[in-house]
Amino acid sequence: MAYLTSFAAFWNVVSLVALSVALPLVARRRQPASYIFTGWEDGREATGVRNGFYTALLGLLISQYLFLGFDASAHVCEETRHADINAPRGMVAAAGTTAVCGYAYLLSLNASVPHPRALLDPNSVTRGDHAVAQLLWDVHKAAFGDGRGALPMLSIPLVAALMCVYQSVANNARMLYAFA
C-alpha cells in the first residue's frame, strides 16, 4: 500500500508537470497572454449556461479536483514521527503543490487551445462532450496530422484521477477503522 501511495504522489505531480510542459511545446499555435489572462469564452451556445459567475465556477472546477486527498496527512498522523509538526507540514505542502500544479495545468490548457469554439462543437471527434480530450486531439492533429497521439496524453490525467480514487478509498478505510 505504501508503494502505491508513493507512486500516486509521484504520478500526480511529475506527470502533471510533464503534461503541462509538453502540451504547449507540441501545440503549433499558442494563445497570447492577453487571451489566457483576460479572455472570456463562455460557450453559451454549446452549454446553455447563461450565468457568467456559474461559468467561472465551472472553469475553476478542473483545478479543484486536484485538491482531493490533501488531508491524508491528518489521517495517518498517528503513524508518523513528530506528528504534531509533520502532519500540518504535509497538509500545507499538499495544498501548495496542488495549487501550483493545478494552475500550471490550467495555464497549459488555455495556452494550447487552437480554436476555442471547436472544443464544444457537436460535430467534433468528442461530439462536444469532453473539451480537454478535444483540445488534445486538435493539438496533435495540427502538429502531426493525426489526433491519435492525444490518447496517450489523455491517459495521464485519467491515471491521476484513478490514483485520487484509490487515495480516497484508502483514506476512508483508515477513517472507518479509526471511528470503529
C-alpha atoms as a PDB file:
ATOM      1  CA  MET A   1       0.000   0.000   0.000  1.00  0.00           C
ATOM      2  CA  ALA A   2       2.871   2.366   0.761  1.00  0.00           C
ATOM      3  CA  TYR A   3       4.347   1.691  -2.684  1.00  0.00           C
ATOM      4  CA  LEU A   4       1.073   2.537  -4.421  1.00  0.00           C
ATOM      5  CA  THR A   5       0.665   5.701  -2.353  1.00  0.00           C
ATOM      6  CA  SER A   6       4.191   6.820  -3.250  1.00  0.00           C
ATOM      7  CA  PHE A   7       3.545   6.019  -6.907  1.00  0.00           C
ATOM      8  CA  ALA A   8       0.299   8.019  -6.786  1.00  0.00           C
ATOM      9  CA  ALA A   9       2.078  11.059  -5.353  1.00  0.00           C
ATOM     10  CA  PHE A  10       4.847  10.737  -7.929  1.00  0.00           C
ATOM     11  CA  TRP A  11       2.376  10.292 -10.796  1.00  0.00           C
ATOM     12  CA  ASN A  12       0.154  13.187  -9.774  1.00  0.00           C
ATOM     13  CA  VAL A  13       2.987  15.685  -9.549  1.00  0.00           C
ATOM     14  CA  VAL A  14       5.532  14.580 -12.153  1.00  0.00           C
ATOM     15  CA  SER A  15       3.113  13.551 -14.886  1.00  0.00           C
ATOM     16  CA  LEU A  16       1.021  16.679 -14.456  1.00  0.00           C
ATOM     17  CA  VAL A  17       4.109  18.881 -14.702  1.00  0.00           C
ATOM     18  CA  ALA A  18       5.272  16.891 -17.760  1.00  0.00           C
ATOM     19  CA  LEU A  19       1.863  17.286 -19.411  1.00  0.00           C
ATOM     20  CA  SER A  20       1.791  20.989 -18.573  1.00  0.00           C
ATOM     21  CA  VAL A  21       5.187  21.466 -20.230  1.00  0.00           C
ATOM     22  CA  ALA A  22       4.673  19.115 -23.193  1.00  0.00           C
ATOM     23  CA  LEU A  23       1.282  20.371 -24.337  1.00  0.00           C
ATOM     24  CA  PRO A  24       2.340  23.952 -25.185  1.00  0.00           C
ATOM     25  CA  LEU A  25       5.539  22.619 -26.781  1.00  0.00           C
ATOM     26  CA  VAL A  26       3.573  20.303 -29.089  1.00  0.00           C
ATOM     27  CA  ALA A  27       0.971  22.946 -29.959  1.00  0.00           C
ATOM     28  CA  ARG A  28       1.664  24.703 -33.246  1.00  0.00           C
ATOM     29  CA  ARG A  29      -0.473  27.663 -32.283  1.00  0.00           C
ATOM     30  CA  ARG A  30      -0.396  29.121 -28.790  1.00  0.00           C
ATOM     31  CA  GLN A  31      -2.760  31.702 -27.405  1.00  0.00           C
ATOM     32  CA  PRO A  32      -1.333  35.085 -26.385  1.00  0.00           C
ATOM     33  CA  ALA A  33      -1.110  36.067 -22.723  1.00  0.00           C
ATOM     34  CA  SER A  34      -3.994  38.500 -23.221  1.00  0.00           C
ATOM     35  CA  TYR A  35      -6.268  35.576 -24.131  1.00  0.00           C
ATOM     36  CA  ILE A  36      -5.041  33.430 -21.236  1.00  0.00           C
ATOM     37  CA  PHE A  37      -5.420  36.060 -18.523  1.00  0.00           C
ATOM     38  CA  THR A  38      -8.189  38.338 -19.797  1.00  0.00           C
ATOM     39  CA  GLY A  39     -10.046  36.379 -22.496  1.00  0.00           C
ATOM     40  CA  TRP A  40     -13.533  35.056 -21.857  1.00  0.00           C
ATOM     41  CA  GLU A  41     -15.162  32.176 -23.713  1.00  0.00           C
ATOM     42  CA  ASP A  42     -18.432  31.330 -22.019  1.00  0.00           C
ATOM     43  CA  GLY A  43     -19.710  28.855 -24.609  1.00  0.00           C
ATOM     44  CA  ARG A  44     -23.345  29.846 -24.103  1.00  0.00           C
ATOM     45  CA  GLU A  45     -24.409  28.378 -27.424  1.00  0.00           C
ATOM     46  CA  ALA A  46     -22.936  24.971 -26.658  1.00  0.00           C
ATOM     47  CA  THR A  47     -23.649  24.646 -22.936  1.00  0.00           C
ATOM     48  CA  GLY A  48     -26.827  26.636 -22.460  1.00  0.00           C
ATOM     49  CA  VAL A  49     -25.391  28.163 -19.266  1.00  0.00           C
ATOM     50  CA  ARG A  50     -26.301  31.860 -19.224  1.00  0.00           C
ATOM     51  CA  ASN A  51     -24.813  32.867 -15.865  1.00  0.00           C
ATOM     52  CA  GLY A  52     -21.225  34.163 -16.142  1.00  0.00           C
ATOM     53  CA  PHE A  53     -20.446  33.573 -12.454  1.00  0.00           C
ATOM     54  CA  TYR A  54     -21.578  29.950 -12.697  1.00  0.00           C
ATOM     55  CA  THR A  55     -19.474  29.510 -15.831  1.00  0.00           C
ATOM     56  CA  ALA A  56     -16.416  30.853 -13.968  1.00  0.00           C
ATOM     57  CA  LEU A  57     -17.018  28.409 -11.109  1.00  0.00           C
ATOM     58  CA  LEU A  58     -17.266  25.527 -13.574  1.00  0.00           C
ATOM     59  CA  GLY A  59     -13.968  26.665 -15.097  1.00  0.00           C
ATOM     60  CA  LEU A  60     -12.277  26.514 -11.701  1.00  0.00           C
ATOM     61  CA  LEU A  61     -13.594  23.025 -11.048  1.00  0.00           C
ATOM     62  CA  ILE A  62     -10.826  21.302 -13.000  1.00  0.00           C
ATOM     63  CA  SER A  63      -8.160  22.646 -10.646  1.00  0.00           C
ATOM     64  CA  GLN A  64     -10.260  21.773  -7.600  1.00  0.00           C
ATOM     65  CA  TYR A  65     -10.203  18.073  -8.469  1.00  0.00           C
ATOM     66  CA  LEU A  66      -6.513  18.127  -7.623  1.00  0.00           C
ATOM     67  CA  PHE A  67      -7.253  19.112  -4.025  1.00  0.00           C
ATOM     68  CA  LEU A  68      -8.507  15.617  -3.298  1.00  0.00           C
ATOM     69  CA  GLY A  69      -6.531  13.985  -0.509  1.00  0.00           C
ATOM     70  CA  PHE A  70      -4.664  16.944   0.969  1.00  0.00           C
ATOM     71  CA  ASP A  71      -5.945  15.922   4.399  1.00  0.00           C
ATOM     72  CA  ALA A  72      -4.381  12.452   4.193  1.00  0.00           C
ATOM     73  CA  SER A  73      -1.569  13.682   6.449  1.00  0.00           C
ATOM     74  CA  ALA A  74      -4.064  14.074   9.270  1.00  0.00           C
ATOM     75  CA  HIS A  75      -5.458  10.571   8.695  1.00  0.00           C
ATOM     76  CA  VAL A  76      -2.094   8.876   9.078  1.00  0.00           C
ATOM     77  CA  CYS A  77      -0.515  11.211  11.613  1.00  0.00           C
ATOM     78  CA  GLU A  78      -0.532   8.552  14.348  1.00  0.00           C
ATOM     79  CA  GLU A  79       1.794   6.508  12.134  1.00  0.00           C
ATOM     80  CA  THR A  80       4.283   9.372  11.734  1.00  0.00           C
ATOM     81  CA  ARG A  81       7.177  10.548  13.837  1.00  0.00           C
ATOM     82  CA  HIS A  82       6.728  14.041  15.288  1.00  0.00           C
ATOM     83  CA  ALA A  83       3.140  14.107  14.085  1.00  0.00           C
ATOM     84  CA  ASP A  84       2.479  17.473  15.715  1.00  0.00           C
ATOM     85  CA  ILE A  85       4.915  19.062  13.252  1.00  0.00           C
ATOM     86  CA  ASN A  86       4.900  16.758  10.217  1.00  0.00           C
ATOM     87  CA  ALA A  87       1.117  16.356   9.753  1.00  0.00           C
ATOM     88  CA  PRO A  88       0.459  20.106   9.336  1.00  0.00           C
ATOM     89  CA  ARG A  89       3.544  20.402   7.132  1.00  0.00           C
ATOM     90  CA  GLY A  90       2.204  17.638   4.907  1.00  0.00           C
ATOM     91  CA  MET A  91      -1.198  19.307   4.610  1.00  0.00           C
ATOM     92  CA  VAL A  92       0.292  22.691   3.730  1.00  0.00           C
ATOM     93  CA  ALA A  93       2.753  21.110   1.276  1.00  0.00           C
ATOM     94  CA  ALA A  94      -0.042  19.114  -0.381  1.00  0.00           C
ATOM     95  CA  ALA A  95      -2.289  22.164  -0.742  1.00  0.00           C
ATOM     96  CA  GLY A  96       0.579  24.333  -2.018  1.00  0.00           C
ATOM     97  CA  THR A  97       1.830  21.751  -4.501  1.00  0.00           C
ATOM     98  CA  THR A  98      -1.697  21.177  -5.732  1.00  0.00           C
ATOM     99  CA  ALA A  99      -2.312  24.888  -6.186  1.00  0.00           C
ATOM    100  CA  VAL A 100       0.878  25.367  -8.206  1.00  0.00           C
ATOM    101  CA  CYS A 101       0.409  22.217 -10.326  1.00  0.00           C
ATOM    102  CA  GLY A 102      -3.292  22.911 -10.926  1.00  0.00           C
ATOM    103  CA  TYR A 103      -2.604  26.474 -12.006  1.00  0.00           C
ATOM    104  CA  ALA A 104       0.203  25.310 -14.319  1.00  0.00           C
ATOM    105  CA  TYR A 105      -2.168  22.743 -15.845  1.00  0.00           C
ATOM    106  CA  LEU A 106      -4.857  25.368 -16.436  1.00  0.00           C
ATOM    107  CA  LEU A 107      -2.313  27.747 -17.988  1.00  0.00           C
ATOM    108  CA  SER A 108      -1.073  24.952 -20.243  1.00  0.00           C
ATOM    109  CA  LEU A 109      -4.580  24.062 -21.403  1.00  0.00           C
ATOM    110  CA  ASN A 110      -5.519  27.692 -22.037  1.00  0.00           C
ATOM    111  CA  ALA A 111      -2.273  28.452 -23.852  1.00  0.00           C
ATOM    112  CA  SER A 112      -2.689  25.467 -26.168  1.00  0.00           C
ATOM    113  CA  VAL A 113      -6.292  25.943 -27.323  1.00  0.00           C
ATOM    114  CA  PRO A 114      -6.117  26.124 -31.137  1.00  0.00           C
ATOM    115  CA  HIS A 115      -9.770  27.075 -31.716  1.00  0.00           C
ATOM    116  CA  PRO A 116     -11.806  27.758 -28.547  1.00  0.00           C
ATOM    117  CA  ARG A 117     -15.211  27.388 -30.235  1.00  0.00           C
ATOM    118  CA  ALA A 118     -14.285  23.959 -31.634  1.00  0.00           C
ATOM    119  CA  LEU A 119     -13.881  22.407 -28.169  1.00  0.00           C
ATOM    120  CA  LEU A 120     -17.626  22.065 -27.614  1.00  0.00           C
ATOM    121  CA  ASP A 121     -18.633  21.570 -31.237  1.00  0.00           C
ATOM    122  CA  PRO A 122     -21.134  18.695 -31.529  1.00  0.00           C
ATOM    123  CA  ASN A 123     -19.599  17.772 -34.911  1.00  0.00           C
ATOM    124  CA  SER A 124     -16.104  17.248 -33.458  1.00  0.00           C
ATOM    125  CA  VAL A 125     -14.413  13.947 -32.607  1.00  0.00           C
ATOM    126  CA  THR A 126     -15.668  14.040 -28.998  1.00  0.00           C
ATOM    127  CA  ARG A 127     -19.087  15.393 -30.090  1.00  0.00           C
ATOM    128  CA  GLY A 128     -18.601  18.321 -27.714  1.00  0.00           C
ATOM    129  CA  ASP A 129     -18.696  16.079 -24.649  1.00  0.00           C
ATOM    130  CA  HIS A 130     -15.088  16.369 -23.445  1.00  0.00           C
ATOM    131  CA  ALA A 131     -13.291  19.671 -24.012  1.00  0.00           C
ATOM    132  CA  VAL A 132      -9.875  18.526 -22.727  1.00  0.00           C
ATOM    133  CA  ALA A 133      -9.885  15.413 -24.929  1.00  0.00           C
ATOM    134  CA  GLN A 134     -10.904  17.559 -27.902  1.00  0.00           C
ATOM    135  CA  LEU A 135      -8.141  20.060 -27.122  1.00  0.00           C
ATOM    136  CA  LEU A 136      -5.514  17.303 -27.001  1.00  0.00           C
ATOM    137  CA  TRP A 137      -6.893  15.804 -30.231  1.00  0.00           C
ATOM    138  CA  ASP A 138      -6.828  19.173 -32.029  1.00  0.00           C
ATOM    139  CA  VAL A 139      -3.282  19.960 -30.857  1.00  0.00           C
ATOM    140  CA  HIS A 140      -1.954  16.591 -32.046  1.00  0.00           C
ATOM    141  CA  LYS A 141      -3.841  16.738 -35.311  1.00  0.00           C
ATOM    142  CA  ALA A 142      -2.432  20.204 -36.050  1.00  0.00           C
ATOM    143  CA  ALA A 143       1.106  19.186 -35.087  1.00  0.00           C
ATOM    144  CA  PHE A 144       1.335  15.679 -36.547  1.00  0.00           C
ATOM    145  CA  GLY A 145      -1.589  15.338 -38.957  1.00  0.00           C
ATOM    146  CA  ASP A 146      -3.295  12.702 -36.814  1.00  0.00           C
ATOM    147  CA  GLY A 147      -5.039  13.189 -33.486  1.00  0.00           C
ATOM    148  CA  ARG A 148      -4.480   9.671 -32.159  1.00  0.00           C
ATOM    149  CA  GLY A 149      -1.305  10.811 -30.395  1.00  0.00           C
ATOM    150  CA  ALA A 150      -3.596  12.605 -27.965  1.00  0.00           C
ATOM    151  CA  LEU A 151      -4.789   9.318 -26.488  1.00  0.00           C
ATOM    152  CA  PRO A 152      -1.574   8.610 -24.504  1.00  0.00           C
ATOM    153  CA  MET A 153      -1.576  12.219 -23.298  1.00  0.00           C
ATOM    154  CA  LEU A 154      -5.199  11.858 -22.224  1.00  0.00           C
ATOM    155  CA  SER A 155      -4.292   8.782 -20.208  1.00  0.00           C
ATOM    156  CA  ILE A 156      -2.092  10.937 -17.940  1.00  0.00           C
ATOM    157  CA  PRO A 157      -4.969  12.771 -16.209  1.00  0.00           C
ATOM    158  CA  LEU A 158      -7.082   9.590 -16.286  1.00  0.00           C
ATOM    159  CA  VAL A 159      -4.453   7.625 -14.342  1.00  0.00           C
ATOM    160  CA  ALA A 160      -4.098  10.604 -11.983  1.00  0.00           C
ATOM    161  CA  ALA A 161      -7.854  10.519 -11.372  1.00  0.00           C
ATOM    162  CA  LEU A 162      -7.677   6.769 -10.667  1.00  0.00           C
ATOM    163  CA  MET A 163      -4.882   7.391  -8.168  1.00  0.00           C
ATOM    164  CA  CYS A 164      -7.057  10.012  -6.464  1.00  0.00           C
ATOM    165  CA  VAL A 165      -9.908   7.499  -6.262  1.00  0.00           C
ATOM    166  CA  TYR A 166      -7.523   4.971  -4.719  1.00  0.00           C
ATOM    167  CA  GLN A 167      -6.363   7.535  -2.160  1.00  0.00           C
ATOM    168  CA  SER A 168      -9.962   8.419  -1.307  1.00  0.00           C
ATOM    169  CA  VAL A 169     -10.844   4.780  -0.678  1.00  0.00           C
ATOM    170  CA  ALA A 170      -7.689   4.242   1.395  1.00  0.00           C
ATOM    171  CA  ASN A 171      -8.333   7.375   3.467  1.00  0.00           C
ATOM    172  CA  ASN A 172     -11.963   6.425   4.029  1.00  0.00           C
ATOM    173  CA  ALA A 173     -10.899   2.946   5.132  1.00  0.00           C
ATOM    174  CA  ARG A 174      -8.456   4.461   7.616  1.00  0.00           C
ATOM    175  CA  MET A 175     -11.131   6.781   8.991  1.00  0.00           C
ATOM    176  CA  LEU A 176     -13.678   3.966   9.229  1.00  0.00           C
ATOM    177  CA  TYR A 177     -11.178   1.864  11.159  1.00  0.00           C
ATOM    178  CA  ALA A 178     -10.351   4.796  13.446  1.00  0.00           C
ATOM    179  CA  PHE A 179     -14.007   5.552  14.150  1.00  0.00           C
ATOM    180  CA  ALA A 180     -14.921   1.899  14.816  1.00  0.00           C
END
